[in-house]
Amino acid sequence: MQMKSPSRNATRLTRRGRLVLLVTGAVLAGTAVAVPLLLLGSHHEEAKPQKLVIPEGWRASQVYDAVDTALKLPPGSTRKSLGKAGLKLPHEAGGNPEGYLFPATYPVERGATPASLLRFMVDTAKGKFGNAPVAAGAQRNAMNVYQTVTVASIVQAEASTKADMGKVARVVFNRLRRGMPLQMDSTLNYVLNRNTVHTSVDDTHMQSPYNSYQRMGLPPTPIDNPGAEAMRAAINPTPGNWLYFVTVKPGDTRFTADYSEHLRNVAQFNAGQQTTGQSQVPGRSTQQPALTQQPSATQQPLATQQPPVTQQPPVTQPPR
């Protein structure tokens, strides 16, 4: 019996095998490339930092709460970390970072801690406030930089628009130079940890260094964390002789040096409040004889609402 040569069949199998191997190899090679790319893409997404938005005018207490939330920490964690944060604050601050937690959008990198984020904010503020123009502006107004930040914080709280900031700053300086108390509701709201347009007579009699109805001069610390616009207003206030201001309606803030005119403006504001069904604001010079000798600079705080988080400041890059 003659045996058939297997060479032809073997050749066919070999060719098929080669084809299978080539196709399989191509698939495996493509997979080998795709997997690292997918992993790289996944790693890239995970490495992208979150953002922490600190709006202009937030108080330190609000910043602490935001950091706790961003880092998923129990409430109060950031406040407790202050003593160990090593913040490089001005000597006048006495360890209180109020005014120096600069409003911006900060990246929250992996491994961030309350201390690292607070240091980032303070270092940013020092960079903004520690330059020559700010020092020169403070000197022109017979103040140091820390006092200027305090003025800026009042401007931030009281001005209803950026256009009004320079005028509000001028009212502050005019009152200080005339030996008048500032009588700003924003300073009372700060110590009472609230935002309201309603200030009572009892509020104006409270014993506190932040009661600018009873105490002369600036409050002992800033009352919020001002932005760059408020700081510019504090070092370059708009020229004018104004002593009073009131926002009669949105977009209509009236400044005057004449107390009688101010009373008329306040009356218009109150009329508008009654028309909208809101109660009159008590505790003002227009209604309280005890305050008429030193009339209030304002009829109401002009910026009690916090800036919307949707208006995000530019991202601040971490220090190198």
C-alpha atoms as a PDB file:
ATOM      1  CA  MET A   1       0.000   0.000   0.000  1.00  0.00           C
ATOM      2  CA  GLN A   2       1.494   3.285  -1.141  1.00  0.00           C
ATOM      3  CA  MET A   3       1.555   6.129   1.375  1.00  0.00           C
ATOM      4  CA  LYS A   4       0.497   9.637   0.110  1.00  0.00           C
ATOM      5  CA  SER A   5       2.880  12.425   0.653  1.00  0.00           C
ATOM      6  CA  PRO A   6       1.586  14.839   3.324  1.00  0.00           C
ATOM      7  CA  SER A   7       3.679  17.728   2.090  1.00  0.00           C
ATOM      8  CA  ARG A   8       0.868  19.449   0.102  1.00  0.00           C
ATOM      9  CA  ASN A   9      -1.671  19.278   2.944  1.00  0.00           C
ATOM     10  CA  ALA A  10       0.956  20.287   5.435  1.00  0.00           C
ATOM     11  CA  THR A  11       1.749  23.336   3.327  1.00  0.00           C
ATOM     12  CA  ARG A  12      -1.917  24.330   3.248  1.00  0.00           C
ATOM     13  CA  LEU A  13      -2.213  24.000   7.041  1.00  0.00           C
ATOM     14  CA  THR A  14       0.898  26.009   7.530  1.00  0.00           C
ATOM     15  CA  ARG A  15      -0.443  28.837   5.386  1.00  0.00           C
ATOM     16  CA  ARG A  16      -3.734  28.834   7.249  1.00  0.00           C
ATOM     17  CA  GLY A  17      -1.880  28.789  10.515  1.00  0.00           C
ATOM     18  CA  ARG A  18       0.196  31.704   9.458  1.00  0.00           C
ATOM     19  CA  LEU A  19      -2.916  33.646   8.504  1.00  0.00           C
ATOM     20  CA  VAL A  20      -4.519  32.900  11.863  1.00  0.00           C
ATOM     21  CA  LEU A  21      -1.367  33.852  13.664  1.00  0.00           C
ATOM     22  CA  LEU A  22      -1.085  37.115  11.751  1.00  0.00           C
ATOM     23  CA  VAL A  23      -4.703  38.086  12.469  1.00  0.00           C
ATOM     24  CA  THR A  24      -4.436  37.037  16.097  1.00  0.00           C
ATOM     25  CA  GLY A  25      -1.165  38.923  16.471  1.00  0.00           C
ATOM     26  CA  ALA A  26      -2.665  42.071  15.007  1.00  0.00           C
ATOM     27  CA  VAL A  27      -5.614  41.902  17.401  1.00  0.00           C
ATOM     28  CA  LEU A  28      -3.367  41.282  20.356  1.00  0.00           C
ATOM     29  CA  ALA A  29      -1.055  44.092  19.325  1.00  0.00           C
ATOM     30  CA  GLY A  30      -3.982  46.490  18.977  1.00  0.00           C
ATOM     31  CA  THR A  31      -5.284  45.427  22.353  1.00  0.00           C
ATOM     32  CA  ALA A  32      -1.873  45.875  23.911  1.00  0.00           C
ATOM     33  CA  VAL A  33      -1.751  49.448  22.634  1.00  0.00           C
ATOM     34  CA  ALA A  34      -5.363  50.236  23.535  1.00  0.00           C
ATOM     35  CA  VAL A  35      -5.163  49.046  27.133  1.00  0.00           C
ATOM     36  CA  PRO A  36      -2.323  51.402  28.147  1.00  0.00           C
ATOM     37  CA  LEU A  37      -4.090  54.247  26.339  1.00  0.00           C
ATOM     38  CA  LEU A  38      -7.314  53.528  28.216  1.00  0.00           C
ATOM     39  CA  LEU A  39      -5.424  53.307  31.460  1.00  0.00           C
ATOM     40  CA  LEU A  40      -3.607  56.538  30.670  1.00  0.00           C
ATOM     41  CA  GLY A  41      -6.881  58.268  29.897  1.00  0.00           C
ATOM     42  CA  SER A  42      -8.394  56.968  33.112  1.00  0.00           C
ATOM     43  CA  HIS A  43      -5.363  58.105  35.086  1.00  0.00           C
ATOM     44  CA  HIS A  44      -5.511  61.518  33.415  1.00  0.00           C
ATOM     45  CA  GLU A  45      -9.139  61.982  34.446  1.00  0.00           C
ATOM     46  CA  GLU A  46      -8.419  60.957  38.023  1.00  0.00           C
ATOM     47  CA  ALA A  47      -5.433  63.303  38.207  1.00  0.00           C
ATOM     48  CA  LYS A  48      -7.484  66.323  37.115  1.00  0.00           C
ATOM     49  CA  PRO A  49      -7.849  68.422  40.295  1.00  0.00           C
ATOM     50  CA  GLN A  50     -11.160  69.535  41.686  1.00  0.00           C
ATOM     51  CA  LYS A  51     -11.799  73.243  42.042  1.00  0.00           C
ATOM     52  CA  LEU A  52     -12.572  75.180  45.189  1.00  0.00           C
ATOM     53  CA  VAL A  53     -14.326  78.483  44.494  1.00  0.00           C
ATOM     54  CA  ILE A  54     -13.939  81.227  47.109  1.00  0.00           C
ATOM     55  CA  PRO A  55     -16.170  84.189  46.139  1.00  0.00           C
ATOM     56  CA  GLU A  56     -15.277  87.766  46.950  1.00  0.00           C
ATOM     57  CA  GLY A  57     -16.623  88.887  50.291  1.00  0.00           C
ATOM     58  CA  TRP A  58     -16.814  85.497  51.981  1.00  0.00           C
ATOM     59  CA  ARG A  59     -15.940  85.472  55.653  1.00  0.00           C
ATOM     60  CA  ALA A  60     -13.292  83.137  57.001  1.00  0.00           C
ATOM     61  CA  SER A  61     -15.987  80.969  58.584  1.00  0.00           C
ATOM     62  CA  GLN A  62     -17.505  80.371  55.152  1.00  0.00           C
ATOM     63  CA  VAL A  63     -14.104  79.530  53.696  1.00  0.00           C
ATOM     64  CA  TYR A  64     -13.484  76.971  56.457  1.00  0.00           C
ATOM     65  CA  ASP A  65     -16.812  75.272  55.719  1.00  0.00           C
ATOM     66  CA  ALA A  66     -16.051  75.197  51.988  1.00  0.00           C
ATOM     67  CA  VAL A  67     -12.649  73.583  52.584  1.00  0.00           C
ATOM     68  CA  ASP A  68     -14.237  70.957  54.846  1.00  0.00           C
ATOM     69  CA  THR A  69     -16.730  70.166  52.089  1.00  0.00           C
ATOM     70  CA  ALA A  70     -14.111  70.068  49.321  1.00  0.00           C
ATOM     71  CA  LEU A  71     -11.912  67.676  51.303  1.00  0.00           C
ATOM     72  CA  LYS A  72     -14.877  65.652  52.614  1.00  0.00           C
ATOM     73  CA  LEU A  73     -13.894  66.323  56.213  1.00  0.00           C
ATOM     74  CA  PRO A  74     -16.105  66.580  59.309  1.00  0.00           C
ATOM     75  CA  PRO A  75     -17.415  70.109  59.946  1.00  0.00           C
ATOM     76  CA  GLY A  76     -14.965  72.184  61.946  1.00  0.00           C
ATOM     77  CA  SER A  77     -11.845  70.340  60.758  1.00  0.00           C
ATOM     78  CA  THR A  78     -10.363  73.287  58.882  1.00  0.00           C
ATOM     79  CA  ARG A  79     -10.964  75.706  61.726  1.00  0.00           C
ATOM     80  CA  LYS A  80      -9.212  73.317  64.111  1.00  0.00           C
ATOM     81  CA  SER A  81      -6.195  73.142  61.799  1.00  0.00           C
ATOM     82  CA  LEU A  82      -5.438  76.875  62.036  1.00  0.00           C
ATOM     83  CA  GLY A  83      -2.974  76.562  64.910  1.00  0.00           C
ATOM     84  CA  LYS A  84      -0.781  74.139  62.954  1.00  0.00           C
ATOM     85  CA  ALA A  85      -1.205  75.635  59.482  1.00  0.00           C
ATOM     86  CA  GLY A  86       1.831  77.903  59.715  1.00  0.00           C
ATOM     87  CA  LEU A  87       0.124  80.798  57.947  1.00  0.00           C
ATOM     88  CA  LYS A  88       2.433  83.721  57.159  1.00  0.00           C
ATOM     89  CA  LEU A  89       0.117  86.507  58.267  1.00  0.00           C
ATOM     90  CA  PRO A  90       0.919  90.127  59.098  1.00  0.00           C
ATOM     91  CA  HIS A  91       1.831  90.732  62.709  1.00  0.00           C
ATOM     92  CA  GLU A  92      -1.273  92.906  63.149  1.00  0.00           C
ATOM     93  CA  ALA A  93      -3.519  89.943  62.307  1.00  0.00           C
ATOM     94  CA  GLY A  94      -2.668  88.153  65.536  1.00  0.00           C
ATOM     95  CA  GLY A  95      -3.029  84.791  63.804  1.00  0.00           C
ATOM     96  CA  ASN A  96      -6.492  85.584  62.411  1.00  0.00           C
ATOM     97  CA  PRO A  97      -6.520  84.980  58.620  1.00  0.00           C
ATOM     98  CA  GLU A  98      -9.667  87.047  58.032  1.00  0.00           C
ATOM     99  CA  GLY A  99      -9.023  89.293  55.032  1.00  0.00           C
ATOM    100  CA  TYR A 100      -6.120  87.152  53.767  1.00  0.00           C
ATOM    101  CA  LEU A 101      -8.006  84.127  52.405  1.00  0.00           C
ATOM    102  CA  PHE A 102      -7.916  85.576  48.937  1.00  0.00           C
ATOM    103  CA  PRO A 103     -11.023  84.963  46.801  1.00  0.00           C
ATOM    104  CA  ALA A 104     -10.164  82.888  43.730  1.00  0.00           C
ATOM    105  CA  THR A 105     -10.686  79.452  42.183  1.00  0.00           C
ATOM    106  CA  TYR A 106      -8.165  77.036  43.695  1.00  0.00           C
ATOM    107  CA  PRO A 107      -7.227  73.557  42.453  1.00  0.00           C
ATOM    108  CA  VAL A 108      -7.701  70.857  45.063  1.00  0.00           C
ATOM    109  CA  GLU A 109      -4.826  68.495  44.328  1.00  0.00           C
ATOM    110  CA  ARG A 110      -4.627  64.936  45.566  1.00  0.00           C
ATOM    111  CA  GLY A 111      -3.201  64.987  49.078  1.00  0.00           C
ATOM    112  CA  ALA A 112      -4.429  68.526  49.786  1.00  0.00           C
ATOM    113  CA  THR A 113      -5.070  69.338  53.434  1.00  0.00           C
ATOM    114  CA  PRO A 114      -6.845  72.216  55.173  1.00  0.00           C
ATOM    115  CA  ALA A 115      -3.467  73.668  56.090  1.00  0.00           C
ATOM    116  CA  SER A 116      -2.127  73.472  52.526  1.00  0.00           C
ATOM    117  CA  LEU A 117      -5.223  75.151  51.055  1.00  0.00           C
ATOM    118  CA  LEU A 118      -5.224  77.915  53.681  1.00  0.00           C
ATOM    119  CA  ARG A 119      -1.519  78.533  53.080  1.00  0.00           C
ATOM    120  CA  PHE A 120      -2.216  78.721  49.346  1.00  0.00           C
ATOM    121  CA  MET A 121      -4.899  81.386  49.947  1.00  0.00           C
ATOM    122  CA  VAL A 122      -2.781  83.431  52.348  1.00  0.00           C
ATOM    123  CA  ASP A 123       0.255  83.294  50.058  1.00  0.00           C
ATOM    124  CA  THR A 124      -1.953  84.457  47.179  1.00  0.00           C
ATOM    125  CA  ALA A 125      -3.258  87.356  49.258  1.00  0.00           C
ATOM    126  CA  LYS A 126       0.237  88.375  50.288  1.00  0.00           C
ATOM    127  CA  GLY A 127       1.258  88.373  46.642  1.00  0.00           C
ATOM    128  CA  LYS A 128      -1.704  90.606  45.769  1.00  0.00           C
ATOM    129  CA  PHE A 129      -1.419  92.927  48.769  1.00  0.00           C
ATOM    130  CA  GLY A 130       2.350  92.997  49.225  1.00  0.00           C
ATOM    131  CA  ASN A 131       3.315  94.934  46.128  1.00  0.00           C
ATOM    132  CA  ALA A 132       4.589  98.491  45.892  1.00  0.00           C
ATOM    133  CA  PRO A 133       1.370 100.128  44.573  1.00  0.00           C
ATOM    134  CA  VAL A 134      -0.614  98.814  47.549  1.00  0.00           C
ATOM    135  CA  ALA A 135       2.036  99.992  50.019  1.00  0.00           C
ATOM    136  CA  ALA A 136       2.143 103.414  48.355  1.00  0.00           C
ATOM    137  CA  GLY A 137      -1.654 103.683  48.351  1.00  0.00           C
ATOM    138  CA  ALA A 138      -1.840 102.754  52.015  1.00  0.00           C
ATOM    139  CA  GLN A 139       0.785 105.369  52.848  1.00  0.00           C
ATOM    140  CA  ARG A 140      -1.118 108.059  50.924  1.00  0.00           C
ATOM    141  CA  ASN A 141      -4.130 107.333  53.100  1.00  0.00           C
ATOM    142  CA  ALA A 142      -2.046 107.367  56.306  1.00  0.00           C
ATOM    143  CA  MET A 143      -2.574 103.650  56.878  1.00  0.00           C
ATOM    144  CA  ASN A 144      -0.612 100.446  56.856  1.00  0.00           C
ATOM    145  CA  VAL A 145      -1.428  97.595  54.502  1.00  0.00           C
ATOM    146  CA  TYR A 146      -3.403  95.621  57.101  1.00  0.00           C
ATOM    147  CA  GLN A 147      -5.646  98.607  57.817  1.00  0.00           C
ATOM    148  CA  THR A 148      -6.114  99.043  54.082  1.00  0.00           C
ATOM    149  CA  VAL A 149      -7.255  95.429  53.769  1.00  0.00           C
ATOM    150  CA  THR A 150      -9.738  96.173  56.557  1.00  0.00           C
ATOM    151  CA  VAL A 151     -11.093  99.158  54.611  1.00  0.00           C
ATOM    152  CA  ALA A 152     -11.316  96.971  51.501  1.00  0.00           C
ATOM    153  CA  SER A 153     -13.314  94.378  53.429  1.00  0.00           C
ATOM    154  CA  ILE A 154     -15.852  97.036  54.437  1.00  0.00           C
ATOM    155  CA  VAL A 155     -16.025  98.271  50.854  1.00  0.00           C
ATOM    156  CA  GLN A 156     -16.591  94.694  49.681  1.00  0.00           C
ATOM    157  CA  ALA A 157     -19.469  94.247  52.129  1.00  0.00           C
ATOM    158  CA  GLU A 158     -21.118  97.621  51.616  1.00  0.00           C
ATOM    159  CA  ALA A 159     -20.830  98.416  47.889  1.00  0.00           C
ATOM    160  CA  SER A 160     -23.674  97.133  45.743  1.00  0.00           C
ATOM    161  CA  THR A 161     -21.644  97.362  42.506  1.00  0.00           C
ATOM    162  CA  LYS A 162     -17.991  97.603  41.526  1.00  0.00           C
ATOM    163  CA  ALA A 163     -18.694 101.116  40.248  1.00  0.00           C
ATOM    164  CA  ASP A 164     -19.685 102.173  43.784  1.00  0.00           C
ATOM    165  CA  MET A 165     -16.624 100.762  45.520  1.00  0.00           C
ATOM    166  CA  GLY A 166     -14.456 103.855  45.153  1.00  0.00           C
ATOM    167  CA  LYS A 167     -17.226 106.067  46.560  1.00  0.00           C
ATOM    168  CA  VAL A 168     -17.855 103.773  49.534  1.00  0.00           C
ATOM    169  CA  ALA A 169     -14.122 103.832  50.274  1.00  0.00           C
ATOM    170  CA  ARG A 170     -14.212 107.628  50.166  1.00  0.00           C
ATOM    171  CA  VAL A 171     -17.098 107.703  52.672  1.00  0.00           C
ATOM    172  CA  VAL A 172     -15.008 105.530  55.020  1.00  0.00           C
ATOM    173  CA  PHE A 173     -11.982 107.835  54.767  1.00  0.00           C
ATOM    174  CA  ASN A 174     -14.077 111.017  55.053  1.00  0.00           C
ATOM    175  CA  ARG A 175     -15.724 109.768  58.234  1.00  0.00           C
ATOM    176  CA  LEU A 176     -12.449 108.669  59.774  1.00  0.00           C
ATOM    177  CA  ARG A 177     -10.828 112.024  59.053  1.00  0.00           C
ATOM    178  CA  ARG A 178     -13.761 113.948  60.525  1.00  0.00           C
ATOM    179  CA  GLY A 179     -13.679 111.887  63.714  1.00  0.00           C
ATOM    180  CA  MET A 180     -17.086 110.339  62.982  1.00  0.00           C
ATOM    181  CA  PRO A 181     -17.876 106.712  63.791  1.00  0.00           C
ATOM    182  CA  LEU A 182     -18.251 104.622  60.651  1.00  0.00           C
ATOM    183  CA  GLN A 183     -21.679 103.293  61.709  1.00  0.00           C
ATOM    184  CA  MET A 184     -21.608 100.514  59.142  1.00  0.00           C
ATOM    185  CA  ASP A 185     -24.088  97.697  59.581  1.00  0.00           C
ATOM    186  CA  SER A 186     -21.658  95.289  57.940  1.00  0.00           C
ATOM    187  CA  THR A 187     -19.370  95.412  60.978  1.00  0.00           C
ATOM    188  CA  LEU A 188     -22.269  94.503  63.261  1.00  0.00           C
ATOM    189  CA  ASN A 189     -23.347  91.735  60.932  1.00  0.00           C
ATOM    190  CA  TYR A 190     -19.839  90.333  61.071  1.00  0.00           C
ATOM    191  CA  VAL A 191     -19.676  89.994  64.834  1.00  0.00           C
ATOM    192  CA  LEU A 192     -23.254  88.651  64.908  1.00  0.00           C
ATOM    193  CA  ASN A 193     -22.414  86.203  62.089  1.00  0.00           C
ATOM    194  CA  ARG A 194     -25.379  87.156  59.951  1.00  0.00           C
ATOM    195  CA  ASN A 195     -26.391  88.926  56.755  1.00  0.00           C
ATOM    196  CA  THR A 196     -29.361  91.215  57.129  1.00  0.00           C
ATOM    197  CA  VAL A 197     -30.658  94.692  56.344  1.00  0.00           C
ATOM    198  CA  HIS A 198     -32.396  94.872  59.713  1.00  0.00           C
ATOM    199  CA  THR A 199     -30.307  96.427  62.480  1.00  0.00           C
ATOM    200  CA  SER A 200     -32.049  97.146  65.758  1.00  0.00           C
ATOM    201  CA  VAL A 201     -31.313  99.774  68.397  1.00  0.00           C
ATOM    202  CA  ASP A 202     -30.143  96.974  70.689  1.00  0.00           C
ATOM    203  CA  ASP A 203     -27.668  95.894  68.014  1.00  0.00           C
ATOM    204  CA  THR A 204     -26.148  99.368  67.912  1.00  0.00           C
ATOM    205  CA  HIS A 205     -25.664  99.305  71.695  1.00  0.00           C
ATOM    206  CA  MET A 206     -23.880  95.961  71.886  1.00  0.00           C
ATOM    207  CA  GLN A 207     -20.428  95.912  73.442  1.00  0.00           C
ATOM    208  CA  SER A 208     -18.000  94.817  70.778  1.00  0.00           C
ATOM    209  CA  PRO A 209     -14.896  96.253  69.107  1.00  0.00           C
ATOM    210  CA  TYR A 210     -16.742  95.561  65.825  1.00  0.00           C
ATOM    211  CA  ASN A 211     -19.621  97.866  66.781  1.00  0.00           C
ATOM    212  CA  SER A 212     -18.799 100.813  64.532  1.00  0.00           C
ATOM    213  CA  TYR A 213     -21.832 102.672  65.909  1.00  0.00           C
ATOM    214  CA  GLN A 214     -20.214 102.931  69.342  1.00  0.00           C
ATOM    215  CA  ARG A 215     -16.499 102.583  68.575  1.00  0.00           C
ATOM    216  CA  MET A 216     -14.363 105.058  66.670  1.00  0.00           C
ATOM    217  CA  GLY A 217     -12.028 104.030  63.894  1.00  0.00           C
ATOM    218  CA  LEU A 218     -11.773 100.788  61.999  1.00  0.00           C
ATOM    219  CA  PRO A 219     -12.781  97.394  63.385  1.00  0.00           C
ATOM    220  CA  PRO A 220      -9.830  95.420  64.773  1.00  0.00           C
ATOM    221  CA  THR A 221      -9.681  93.033  61.778  1.00  0.00           C
ATOM    222  CA  PRO A 222     -11.106  92.810  58.285  1.00  0.00           C
ATOM    223  CA  ILE A 223     -14.739  91.652  58.229  1.00  0.00           C
ATOM    224  CA  ASP A 224     -14.458  89.459  55.127  1.00  0.00           C
ATOM    225  CA  ASN A 225     -12.009  88.540  52.403  1.00  0.00           C
ATOM    226  CA  PRO A 226     -11.988  91.321  49.803  1.00  0.00           C
ATOM    227  CA  GLY A 227     -11.168  90.924  46.138  1.00  0.00           C
ATOM    228  CA  ALA A 228      -8.840  92.920  43.920  1.00  0.00           C
ATOM    229  CA  GLU A 229     -11.477  95.522  42.942  1.00  0.00           C
ATOM    230  CA  ALA A 230     -12.273  96.365  46.560  1.00  0.00           C
ATOM    231  CA  MET A 231      -8.569  96.624  47.335  1.00  0.00           C
ATOM    232  CA  ARG A 232      -8.043  99.002  44.415  1.00  0.00           C
ATOM    233  CA  ALA A 233     -10.886 101.152  45.739  1.00  0.00           C
ATOM    234  CA  ALA A 234      -9.303 101.192  49.195  1.00  0.00           C
ATOM    235  CA  ILE A 235      -5.966 102.486  47.906  1.00  0.00           C
ATOM    236  CA  ASN A 236      -7.484 104.826  45.282  1.00  0.00           C
ATOM    237  CA  PRO A 237     -10.847 106.046  46.612  1.00  0.00           C
ATOM    238  CA  THR A 238     -12.929 108.196  44.291  1.00  0.00           C
ATOM    239  CA  PRO A 239     -12.515 111.922  45.053  1.00  0.00           C
ATOM    240  CA  GLY A 240     -15.565 113.395  46.789  1.00  0.00           C
ATOM    241  CA  ASN A 241     -16.942 114.803  50.031  1.00  0.00           C
ATOM    242  CA  TRP A 242     -19.618 112.163  50.644  1.00  0.00           C
ATOM    243  CA  LEU A 243     -20.499 111.109  54.180  1.00  0.00           C
ATOM    244  CA  TYR A 244     -23.672 109.070  53.575  1.00  0.00           C
ATOM    245  CA  PHE A 245     -25.012 106.602  51.048  1.00  0.00           C
ATOM    246  CA  VAL A 246     -28.081 104.446  50.544  1.00  0.00           C
ATOM    247  CA  THR A 247     -29.193 102.091  47.802  1.00  0.00           C
ATOM    248  CA  VAL A 248     -32.716 103.283  47.069  1.00  0.00           C
ATOM    249  CA  LYS A 249     -33.237 100.445  44.595  1.00  0.00           C
ATOM    250  CA  PRO A 250     -30.958  98.050  42.715  1.00  0.00           C
ATOM    251  CA  GLY A 251     -28.546 100.060  40.608  1.00  0.00           C
ATOM    252  CA  ASP A 252     -29.442 103.341  42.331  1.00  0.00           C
ATOM    253  CA  THR A 253     -27.043 104.054  45.187  1.00  0.00           C
ATOM    254  CA  ARG A 254     -27.042 107.698  46.262  1.00  0.00           C
ATOM    255  CA  PHE A 255     -24.060 109.360  47.895  1.00  0.00           C
ATOM    256  CA  THR A 256     -24.228 112.749  49.568  1.00  0.00           C
ATOM    257  CA  ALA A 257     -22.488 115.032  52.049  1.00  0.00           C
ATOM    258  CA  ASP A 258     -25.801 116.639  53.017  1.00  0.00           C
ATOM    259  CA  TYR A 259     -27.618 114.923  55.865  1.00  0.00           C
ATOM    260  CA  SER A 260     -31.021 116.363  54.889  1.00  0.00           C
ATOM    261  CA  GLU A 261     -30.589 114.984  51.386  1.00  0.00           C
ATOM    262  CA  HIS A 262     -29.603 111.644  52.860  1.00  0.00           C
ATOM    263  CA  LEU A 263     -32.800 111.590  54.911  1.00  0.00           C
ATOM    264  CA  ARG A 264     -34.821 112.167  51.749  1.00  0.00           C
ATOM    265  CA  ASN A 265     -32.995 109.315  50.055  1.00  0.00           C
ATOM    266  CA  VAL A 266     -33.658 107.071  53.041  1.00  0.00           C
ATOM    267  CA  ALA A 267     -37.348 108.015  52.948  1.00  0.00           C
ATOM    268  CA  GLN A 268     -37.468 106.907  49.318  1.00  0.00           C
ATOM    269  CA  PHE A 269     -35.857 103.627  50.237  1.00  0.00           C
ATOM    270  CA  ASN A 270     -38.359 103.042  53.035  1.00  0.00           C
ATOM    271  CA  ALA A 271     -41.252 103.894  50.735  1.00  0.00           C
ATOM    272  CA  GLY A 272     -40.025 101.278  48.313  1.00  0.00           C
ATOM    273  CA  GLN A 273     -39.760  98.738  51.124  1.00  0.00           C
ATOM    274  CA  GLN A 274     -43.358  99.388  52.144  1.00  0.00           C
ATOM    275  CA  THR A 275     -44.550  99.109  48.537  1.00  0.00           C
ATOM    276  CA  THR A 276     -42.992  95.660  48.232  1.00  0.00           C
ATOM    277  CA  GLY A 277     -44.530  94.627  51.545  1.00  0.00           C
ATOM    278  CA  GLN A 278     -41.253  94.605  53.472  1.00  0.00           C
ATOM    279  CA  SER A 279     -40.986  96.175  56.872  1.00  0.00           C
ATOM    280  CA  GLN A 280     -39.090  99.394  57.540  1.00  0.00           C
ATOM    281  CA  VAL A 281     -35.528  98.956  58.598  1.00  0.00           C
ATOM    282  CA  PRO A 282     -35.296  99.945  62.271  1.00  0.00           C
ATOM    283  CA  GLY A 283     -32.363 101.369  64.179  1.00  0.00           C
ATOM    284  CA  ARG A 284     -31.386 104.134  61.782  1.00  0.00           C
ATOM    285  CA  SER A 285     -30.668 107.807  62.235  1.00  0.00           C
ATOM    286  CA  THR A 286     -33.890 108.576  60.395  1.00  0.00           C
ATOM    287  CA  GLN A 287     -35.942 107.008  63.157  1.00  0.00           C
ATOM    288  CA  GLN A 288     -33.766 107.018  66.265  1.00  0.00           C
ATOM    289  CA  PRO A 289     -33.096 110.449  67.828  1.00  0.00           C
ATOM    290  CA  ALA A 290     -30.189 109.011  69.803  1.00  0.00           C
ATOM    291  CA  LEU A 291     -28.250 108.564  66.590  1.00  0.00           C
ATOM    292  CA  THR A 292     -28.920 111.912  64.932  1.00  0.00           C
ATOM    293  CA  GLN A 293     -25.840 113.593  66.409  1.00  0.00           C
ATOM    294  CA  GLN A 294     -23.679 111.086  64.540  1.00  0.00           C
ATOM    295  CA  PRO A 295     -25.882 110.011  61.631  1.00  0.00           C
ATOM    296  CA  SER A 296     -25.313 106.633  60.111  1.00  0.00           C
ATOM    297  CA  ALA A 297     -23.238 106.485  56.952  1.00  0.00           C
ATOM    298  CA  THR A 298     -25.635 103.972  55.474  1.00  0.00           C
ATOM    299  CA  GLN A 299     -29.292 103.145  55.728  1.00  0.00           C
ATOM    300  CA  GLN A 300     -28.636  99.483  55.058  1.00  0.00           C
ATOM    301  CA  PRO A 301     -25.728  97.141  54.239  1.00  0.00           C
ATOM    302  CA  LEU A 302     -25.442  97.225  50.489  1.00  0.00           C
ATOM    303  CA  ALA A 303     -24.035  93.789  49.739  1.00  0.00           C
ATOM    304  CA  THR A 304     -25.581  91.292  52.112  1.00  0.00           C
ATOM    305  CA  GLN A 305     -25.879  88.601  49.461  1.00  0.00           C
ATOM    306  CA  GLN A 306     -22.759  86.614  48.669  1.00  0.00           C
ATOM    307  CA  PRO A 307     -21.507  86.680  45.061  1.00  0.00           C
ATOM    308  CA  PRO A 308     -22.926  83.715  43.138  1.00  0.00           C
ATOM    309  CA  VAL A 309     -20.556  80.796  42.906  1.00  0.00           C
ATOM    310  CA  THR A 310     -21.296  80.616  39.174  1.00  0.00           C
ATOM    311  CA  GLN A 311     -19.195  83.753  38.696  1.00  0.00           C
ATOM    312  CA  GLN A 312     -15.965  81.898  39.202  1.00  0.00           C
ATOM    313  CA  PRO A 313     -12.747  83.842  39.613  1.00  0.00           C
ATOM    314  CA  PRO A 314      -9.812  82.684  37.505  1.00  0.00           C
ATOM    315  CA  VAL A 315      -7.977  79.581  38.644  1.00  0.00           C
ATOM    316  CA  THR A 316      -5.052  80.410  40.878  1.00  0.00           C
ATOM    317  CA  GLN A 317      -2.021  78.263  40.190  1.00  0.00           C
ATOM    318  CA  PRO A 318      -0.262  76.581  43.120  1.00  0.00           C
ATOM    319  CA  PRO A 319       3.062  78.060  44.186  1.00  0.00           C
ATOM    320  CA  ARG A 320       6.094  76.465  42.636  1.00  0.00           C
END
